[in-house]
Amino acid sequence: MRALKAQLMLACEVYNTLRWADIYFYQRDGKGLTQTELRQLALDLRKQDEQYQQLYSQVVQQIADRYYEARKSSSKVYHASRRKRSRTSGTH
């Protein structure tokens, strides 16, 4: 049970690191990382950190994919709500 909890914590760290990197590049360059870049970053993190090597490479790539999909979904919701607000906030 302890090993599973440790792996879950590592998975959370990978996710949060990918999130931080994506935000950093968005603020610096005006665009976030692509899915391929996120997957490569996840693999690089795993390669450079012995703790992350406890996670299979496929697992860290799946974490990157899930982050990418979550970001994409949240972006769609954000833009849809902005469009809705702009239509309803006009003066009549």
N, C-alpha and C. Protein backbone atom coordinates (compact mmCIF):
# COMPACT_ATOMS: atom_id res chain seq x y z
N MET A 1 0.83 -1.20 0.00
CA MET A 1 0.00 0.00 0.00
C MET A 1 0.87 1.26 0.00
N ARG A 2 1.95 1.20 0.75
CA ARG A 2 2.83 2.37 0.84
C ARG A 2 3.48 2.67 -0.52
N ALA A 3 3.86 1.62 -1.24
CA ALA A 3 4.48 1.80 -2.57
C ALA A 3 3.49 2.43 -3.54
N LEU A 4 2.24 2.00 -3.47
CA LEU A 4 1.21 2.56 -4.34
C LEU A 4 0.99 4.03 -4.05
N LYS A 5 0.97 4.38 -2.76
CA LYS A 5 0.80 5.77 -2.36
C LYS A 5 1.99 6.62 -2.85
N ALA A 6 3.18 6.05 -2.76
CA ALA A 6 4.38 6.77 -3.22
C ALA A 6 4.32 7.00 -4.73
N GLN A 7 3.85 6.00 -5.47
CA GLN A 7 3.74 6.16 -6.92
C GLN A 7 2.68 7.20 -7.28
N LEU A 8 1.60 7.23 -6.52
CA LEU A 8 0.55 8.23 -6.76
C LEU A 8 1.10 9.63 -6.51
N MET A 9 1.88 9.79 -5.46
CA MET A 9 2.48 11.09 -5.18
C MET A 9 3.44 11.50 -6.30
N LEU A 10 4.21 10.55 -6.80
CA LEU A 10 5.12 10.85 -7.92
C LEU A 10 4.34 11.24 -9.16
N ALA A 11 3.25 10.55 -9.42
CA ALA A 11 2.41 10.88 -10.58
C ALA A 11 1.86 12.30 -10.44
N CYS A 12 1.46 12.68 -9.24
CA CYS A 12 0.97 14.05 -9.01
C CYS A 12 2.08 15.06 -9.25
N GLU A 13 3.30 14.74 -8.80
CA GLU A 13 4.43 15.63 -9.02
C GLU A 13 4.72 15.81 -10.51
N VAL A 14 4.67 14.73 -11.26
CA VAL A 14 4.89 14.81 -12.70
C VAL A 14 3.83 15.70 -13.33
N TYR A 15 2.56 15.49 -12.98
CA TYR A 15 1.45 16.28 -13.52
C TYR A 15 1.67 17.76 -13.21
N ASN A 16 1.98 18.07 -11.96
CA ASN A 16 2.14 19.46 -11.56
C ASN A 16 3.36 20.10 -12.22
N THR A 17 4.42 19.32 -12.43
CA THR A 17 5.61 19.84 -13.12
C THR A 17 5.28 20.15 -14.58
N LEU A 18 4.54 19.26 -15.22
CA LEU A 18 4.12 19.51 -16.61
C LEU A 18 3.24 20.76 -16.68
N ARG A 19 2.34 20.89 -15.72
CA ARG A 19 1.44 22.05 -15.66
C ARG A 19 2.26 23.34 -15.51
N TRP A 20 3.22 23.31 -14.58
CA TRP A 20 4.06 24.48 -14.35
C TRP A 20 4.81 24.85 -15.63
N ALA A 21 5.41 23.86 -16.29
CA ALA A 21 6.18 24.11 -17.51
C ALA A 21 5.29 24.68 -18.60
N ASP A 22 4.08 24.14 -18.73
CA ASP A 22 3.15 24.62 -19.75
C ASP A 22 2.78 26.08 -19.50
N ILE A 23 2.51 26.40 -18.25
CA ILE A 23 2.17 27.79 -17.89
C ILE A 23 3.36 28.71 -18.16
N TYR A 24 4.55 28.26 -17.79
CA TYR A 24 5.76 29.05 -18.02
C TYR A 24 5.92 29.38 -19.50
N PHE A 25 5.82 28.37 -20.36
CA PHE A 25 6.00 28.61 -21.80
C PHE A 25 4.86 29.44 -22.37
N TYR A 26 3.66 29.28 -21.83
CA TYR A 26 2.54 30.11 -22.29
C TYR A 26 2.81 31.58 -21.97
N GLN A 27 3.27 31.85 -20.74
CA GLN A 27 3.54 33.22 -20.35
C GLN A 27 4.73 33.80 -21.12
N ARG A 28 5.72 32.97 -21.39
CA ARG A 28 6.92 33.44 -22.09
C ARG A 28 6.70 33.61 -23.58
N ASP A 29 6.03 32.63 -24.21
CA ASP A 29 5.92 32.60 -25.67
C ASP A 29 4.52 32.88 -26.21
N GLY A 30 3.53 32.93 -25.32
CA GLY A 30 2.17 33.15 -25.77
C GLY A 30 1.47 31.90 -26.24
N LYS A 31 2.11 30.74 -26.08
CA LYS A 31 1.46 29.48 -26.42
C LYS A 31 2.03 28.38 -25.52
N GLY A 32 1.16 27.44 -25.20
CA GLY A 32 1.57 26.34 -24.33
C GLY A 32 2.31 25.27 -25.12
N LEU A 33 2.67 24.22 -24.42
CA LEU A 33 3.39 23.11 -25.03
C LEU A 33 2.43 22.22 -25.81
N THR A 34 2.92 21.62 -26.88
CA THR A 34 2.12 20.67 -27.65
C THR A 34 2.07 19.35 -26.89
N GLN A 35 1.19 18.47 -27.33
CA GLN A 35 1.09 17.16 -26.69
C GLN A 35 2.41 16.40 -26.82
N THR A 36 3.04 16.49 -27.96
CA THR A 36 4.33 15.82 -28.17
C THR A 36 5.39 16.39 -27.23
N GLU A 37 5.42 17.71 -27.08
CA GLU A 37 6.40 18.33 -26.18
C GLU A 37 6.15 17.94 -24.73
N LEU A 38 4.88 17.87 -24.33
CA LEU A 38 4.55 17.44 -22.97
C LEU A 38 4.99 16.00 -22.73
N ARG A 39 4.74 15.13 -23.70
CA ARG A 39 5.14 13.72 -23.58
C ARG A 39 6.67 13.60 -23.49
N GLN A 40 7.38 14.37 -24.30
CA GLN A 40 8.85 14.32 -24.27
C GLN A 40 9.38 14.86 -22.95
N LEU A 41 8.78 15.94 -22.46
CA LEU A 41 9.19 16.49 -21.18
C LEU A 41 8.98 15.47 -20.06
N ALA A 42 7.85 14.77 -20.10
CA ALA A 42 7.58 13.74 -19.09
C ALA A 42 8.65 12.66 -19.13
N LEU A 43 9.03 12.24 -20.33
CA LEU A 43 10.08 11.22 -20.46
C LEU A 43 11.43 11.75 -19.96
N ASP A 44 11.72 13.02 -20.26
CA ASP A 44 12.97 13.63 -19.81
C ASP A 44 13.01 13.71 -18.28
N LEU A 45 11.88 14.08 -17.68
CA LEU A 45 11.80 14.13 -16.22
C LEU A 45 12.10 12.76 -15.63
N ARG A 46 11.50 11.75 -16.22
CA ARG A 46 11.69 10.38 -15.74
C ARG A 46 13.16 9.96 -15.88
N LYS A 47 13.77 10.34 -16.99
CA LYS A 47 15.16 9.95 -17.24
C LYS A 47 16.12 10.61 -16.24
N GLN A 48 15.81 11.85 -15.86
CA GLN A 48 16.73 12.64 -15.03
C GLN A 48 16.54 12.42 -13.53
N ASP A 49 15.44 11.83 -13.11
CA ASP A 49 15.15 11.71 -11.68
C ASP A 49 14.94 10.24 -11.31
N GLU A 50 15.77 9.74 -10.41
CA GLU A 50 15.67 8.34 -10.01
C GLU A 50 14.30 7.99 -9.43
N GLN A 51 13.73 8.91 -8.68
CA GLN A 51 12.40 8.64 -8.11
C GLN A 51 11.36 8.44 -9.20
N TYR A 52 11.40 9.29 -10.21
CA TYR A 52 10.42 9.18 -11.29
C TYR A 52 10.59 7.89 -12.09
N GLN A 53 11.77 7.30 -12.01
CA GLN A 53 12.01 6.05 -12.72
C GLN A 53 11.22 4.89 -12.11
N GLN A 54 10.62 5.10 -10.94
CA GLN A 54 9.72 4.10 -10.36
C GLN A 54 8.45 3.97 -11.20
N LEU A 55 8.15 5.01 -11.98
CA LEU A 55 6.97 5.00 -12.85
C LEU A 55 7.40 4.52 -14.23
N TYR A 56 6.60 3.70 -14.85
CA TYR A 56 6.89 3.25 -16.21
C TYR A 56 6.83 4.44 -17.16
N SER A 57 7.61 4.38 -18.24
CA SER A 57 7.62 5.48 -19.21
C SER A 57 6.24 5.68 -19.82
N GLN A 58 5.51 4.59 -20.03
CA GLN A 58 4.16 4.71 -20.57
C GLN A 58 3.25 5.48 -19.61
N VAL A 59 3.47 5.28 -18.31
CA VAL A 59 2.65 5.97 -17.31
C VAL A 59 2.90 7.47 -17.36
N VAL A 60 4.17 7.89 -17.43
CA VAL A 60 4.43 9.34 -17.45
C VAL A 60 3.91 9.97 -18.75
N GLN A 61 3.94 9.21 -19.84
CA GLN A 61 3.37 9.73 -21.09
C GLN A 61 1.85 9.84 -20.98
N GLN A 62 1.22 8.90 -20.30
CA GLN A 62 -0.24 8.98 -20.10
C GLN A 62 -0.60 10.16 -19.21
N ILE A 63 0.25 10.46 -18.24
CA ILE A 63 0.03 11.64 -17.39
C ILE A 63 0.07 12.90 -18.27
N ALA A 64 1.05 12.96 -19.17
CA ALA A 64 1.15 14.10 -20.09
C ALA A 64 -0.09 14.20 -20.97
N ASP A 65 -0.56 13.06 -21.48
CA ASP A 65 -1.76 13.05 -22.32
C ASP A 65 -2.97 13.54 -21.54
N ARG A 66 -3.11 13.09 -20.30
CA ARG A 66 -4.26 13.52 -19.49
C ARG A 66 -4.20 15.01 -19.19
N TYR A 67 -3.00 15.52 -18.90
CA TYR A 67 -2.88 16.96 -18.68
C TYR A 67 -3.27 17.72 -19.95
N TYR A 68 -2.77 17.27 -21.09
CA TYR A 68 -3.06 17.93 -22.37
C TYR A 68 -4.57 17.94 -22.64
N GLU A 69 -5.23 16.81 -22.43
CA GLU A 69 -6.67 16.72 -22.66
C GLU A 69 -7.44 17.61 -21.68
N ALA A 70 -7.01 17.65 -20.42
CA ALA A 70 -7.67 18.50 -19.43
C ALA A 70 -7.52 19.97 -19.81
N ARG A 71 -6.33 20.35 -20.25
CA ARG A 71 -6.10 21.75 -20.66
C ARG A 71 -6.96 22.10 -21.87
N LYS A 72 -7.04 21.18 -22.82
CA LYS A 72 -7.84 21.40 -24.03
C LYS A 72 -9.32 21.56 -23.66
N SER A 73 -9.82 20.70 -22.79
CA SER A 73 -11.22 20.77 -22.38
C SER A 73 -11.51 22.06 -21.63
N SER A 74 -10.62 22.44 -20.72
CA SER A 74 -10.86 23.64 -19.94
C SER A 74 -10.79 24.88 -20.83
N SER A 75 -9.96 24.84 -21.85
CA SER A 75 -9.86 25.96 -22.79
C SER A 75 -11.16 26.11 -23.58
N LYS A 76 -11.75 24.99 -23.99
CA LYS A 76 -13.02 25.04 -24.72
C LYS A 76 -14.12 25.64 -23.85
N VAL A 77 -14.18 25.21 -22.59
CA VAL A 77 -15.20 25.73 -21.67
C VAL A 77 -14.99 27.22 -21.45
N TYR A 78 -13.74 27.64 -21.25
CA TYR A 78 -13.43 29.04 -21.03
C TYR A 78 -13.86 29.90 -22.21
N HIS A 79 -13.51 29.48 -23.41
CA HIS A 79 -13.85 30.26 -24.60
C HIS A 79 -15.36 30.26 -24.86
N ALA A 80 -16.03 29.17 -24.59
CA ALA A 80 -17.48 29.11 -24.77
C ALA A 80 -18.17 30.07 -23.80
N SER A 81 -17.70 30.12 -22.55
CA SER A 81 -18.33 31.02 -21.58
C SER A 81 -18.05 32.48 -21.93
N ARG A 82 -16.89 32.78 -22.48
CA ARG A 82 -16.59 34.16 -22.91
C ARG A 82 -17.49 34.58 -24.06
N ARG A 83 -17.71 33.66 -25.02
CA ARG A 83 -18.60 33.98 -26.14
C ARG A 83 -20.01 34.23 -25.64
N LYS A 84 -20.46 33.40 -24.72
CA LYS A 84 -21.81 33.55 -24.18
C LYS A 84 -21.95 34.89 -23.46
N ARG A 85 -20.95 35.24 -22.64
CA ARG A 85 -21.00 36.50 -21.92
C ARG A 85 -20.99 37.69 -22.87
N SER A 86 -20.20 37.63 -23.92
CA SER A 86 -20.12 38.77 -24.84
C SER A 86 -21.43 38.97 -25.59
N ARG A 87 -22.16 37.87 -25.84
CA ARG A 87 -23.45 37.99 -26.51
C ARG A 87 -24.52 38.57 -25.58
N THR A 88 -24.45 38.23 -24.30
CA THR A 88 -25.49 38.66 -23.36
C THR A 88 -25.17 40.00 -22.71
N SER A 89 -23.94 40.47 -22.82
CA SER A 89 -23.59 41.71 -22.14
C SER A 89 -23.75 42.95 -23.02
N GLY A 90 -24.12 42.78 -24.25
CA GLY A 90 -24.31 43.92 -25.15
C GLY A 90 -25.50 44.77 -24.72
N THR A 91 -25.48 46.05 -25.05
CA THR A 91 -26.59 46.94 -24.69
C THR A 91 -27.69 46.82 -25.73
N HIS A 92 -28.92 46.82 -25.26
CA HIS A 92 -30.07 46.68 -26.15
C HIS A 92 -30.95 47.89 -26.10
